[in-house]
């Protein structure tokens, strides 16, 4: 059986402060099964980018406040999504569940997908795993 982790990732933009005090940004690709654990670790300030494999993959990172738009475009291309959909309020797990339902039944996606349940602002979008 194909799982959401086999065919998708939740793309998020993380921001933080480096050891020397300068800002950094980092695009990560979360396994859907690890999304809730990631949110809990993030809320607790317990994200360790050196030990990130359990959550998913680090896509790209650099020093600075925000990634250049060309980087956002490339990340979107890598994961088969539209960069204009980044930074919108969504419920990524609901979107992935809908996409999995569609894949399982060979149907077209729902034109009115579920609205976000948490109201959180996530820099993520459903994207197929490359």
Protein backbone atom coordinates (compact mmCIF):
# COMPACT_ATOMS: atom_id res chain seq x y z
CA UNK A 1 0.00 0.00 0.00
CA UNK A 2 1.29 3.44 -0.94
CA UNK A 3 1.41 5.90 1.94
CA UNK A 4 1.45 9.69 1.95
CA UNK A 5 5.12 9.54 3.00
CA UNK A 6 5.87 7.59 -0.20
CA UNK A 7 4.42 10.22 -2.56
CA UNK A 8 4.37 13.60 -0.83
CA UNK A 9 6.11 16.09 1.40
CA UNK A 10 5.00 19.20 3.24
CA UNK A 11 7.32 22.02 2.23
CA UNK A 12 7.99 24.55 4.97
CA UNK A 13 10.21 27.56 5.33
CA UNK A 14 11.97 27.71 8.67
CA UNK A 15 13.75 30.77 9.99
CA UNK A 16 16.18 31.02 12.83
CA UNK A 17 19.32 32.51 14.27
CA UNK A 18 22.73 31.01 13.66
CA UNK A 19 25.28 30.41 16.41
CA UNK A 20 27.06 33.67 15.51
CA UNK A 21 23.78 35.60 15.80
CA UNK A 22 22.94 36.11 12.13
CA UNK A 23 19.62 35.04 10.62
CA UNK A 24 19.12 31.97 8.43
CA UNK A 25 16.31 30.45 6.40
CA UNK A 26 15.80 26.83 5.50
CA UNK A 27 13.32 25.00 3.25
CA UNK A 28 12.48 21.57 4.62
CA UNK A 29 10.40 18.74 3.19
CA UNK A 30 8.45 17.08 6.00
CA UNK A 31 7.10 13.56 5.90
CA UNK A 32 3.32 13.89 6.35
CA UNK A 33 3.41 11.26 9.11
CA UNK A 34 5.85 13.46 11.06
CA UNK A 35 4.00 16.77 10.67
CA UNK A 36 2.36 16.77 14.11
CA UNK A 37 5.59 15.64 15.82
CA UNK A 38 7.42 18.41 13.96
CA UNK A 39 4.90 21.04 15.09
CA UNK A 40 5.27 19.87 18.70
CA UNK A 41 9.07 19.94 18.49
CA UNK A 42 8.96 23.37 16.85
CA UNK A 43 6.67 24.73 19.59
CA UNK A 44 9.08 23.36 22.21
CA UNK A 45 12.08 24.88 20.44
CA UNK A 46 13.51 21.40 19.95
CA UNK A 47 14.20 21.32 16.20
CA UNK A 48 17.74 20.11 15.55
CA UNK A 49 18.61 20.57 11.88
CA UNK A 50 21.65 18.31 12.36
CA UNK A 51 19.30 15.45 13.30
CA UNK A 52 16.40 16.14 10.94
CA UNK A 53 16.07 12.77 9.16
CA UNK A 54 13.17 11.58 11.33
CA UNK A 55 11.07 14.56 10.17
CA UNK A 56 12.09 14.56 6.50
CA UNK A 57 14.73 16.29 4.44
CA UNK A 58 16.48 19.63 4.43
CA UNK A 59 16.09 20.95 0.90
CA UNK A 60 18.20 24.11 0.95
CA UNK A 61 19.34 26.70 3.49
CA UNK A 62 21.42 29.85 3.67
CA UNK A 63 22.15 32.88 5.76
CA UNK A 64 19.70 35.77 5.50
CA UNK A 65 16.16 36.77 6.37
CA UNK A 66 14.36 35.20 3.38
CA UNK A 67 15.31 33.03 0.43
CA UNK A 68 15.62 34.71 -2.96
CA UNK A 69 12.50 34.13 -5.05
CA UNK A 70 14.49 32.08 -7.55
CA UNK A 71 15.21 29.58 -4.76
CA UNK A 72 11.51 29.39 -3.89
CA UNK A 73 10.75 28.77 -7.57
CA UNK A 74 13.30 25.97 -7.74
CA UNK A 75 12.00 24.29 -4.57
CA UNK A 76 8.48 24.45 -5.98
CA UNK A 77 9.70 22.96 -9.26
CA UNK A 78 11.50 20.14 -7.43
CA UNK A 79 8.30 19.17 -5.63
CA UNK A 80 5.90 19.72 -8.51
CA UNK A 81 3.98 22.64 -7.05
CA UNK A 82 3.37 26.30 -7.81
CA UNK A 83 5.51 28.83 -5.88
CA UNK A 84 2.56 31.27 -5.89
CA UNK A 85 0.78 28.88 -3.51
CA UNK A 86 3.48 29.11 -0.84
CA UNK A 87 2.76 31.07 2.35
CA UNK A 88 -1.01 30.54 2.33
CA UNK A 89 -3.18 29.33 5.18
CA UNK A 90 -3.81 25.64 4.57
CA UNK A 91 -4.30 22.37 6.38
CA UNK A 92 -1.53 20.33 4.73
CA UNK A 93 -2.70 16.99 6.11
CA UNK A 94 -6.23 17.56 4.77
CA UNK A 95 -4.81 18.49 1.36
CA UNK A 96 -2.63 15.39 1.28
CA UNK A 97 -5.53 13.17 2.39
CA UNK A 98 -7.61 14.58 -0.47
CA UNK A 99 -4.80 13.98 -2.95
CA UNK A 100 -4.33 10.42 -1.66
CA UNK A 101 -8.09 9.82 -2.03
CA UNK A 102 -7.92 11.09 -5.59
CA UNK A 103 -4.89 8.90 -6.38
CA UNK A 104 -6.66 5.88 -4.92
CA UNK A 105 -9.80 6.39 -6.95
CA UNK A 106 -8.48 8.01 -10.13
CA UNK A 107 -10.71 11.07 -9.58
CA UNK A 108 -10.18 14.74 -10.12
CA UNK A 109 -9.25 16.78 -6.99
CA UNK A 110 -12.00 18.54 -5.07
CA UNK A 111 -12.23 22.14 -6.43
CA UNK A 112 -13.15 23.30 -2.90
CA UNK A 113 -10.59 21.62 -0.62
CA UNK A 114 -11.01 21.79 3.17
CA UNK A 115 -10.12 25.06 4.83
CA UNK A 116 -7.31 25.21 7.40
CA UNK A 117 -8.26 23.77 10.75
CA UNK A 118 -5.73 25.60 12.86
CA UNK A 119 -5.62 29.01 11.21
CA UNK A 120 -1.83 28.83 11.36
CA UNK A 121 0.21 30.48 8.66
CA UNK A 122 2.39 27.78 7.12
CA UNK A 123 4.98 28.19 4.41
CA UNK A 124 4.11 24.86 2.96
CA UNK A 125 2.26 23.23 0.16
CA UNK A 126 1.52 19.73 -0.92
CA UNK A 127 4.09 18.57 -3.37
CA UNK A 128 4.88 15.22 -4.88
CA UNK A 129 8.12 13.69 -3.78
CA UNK A 130 10.80 13.89 -6.48
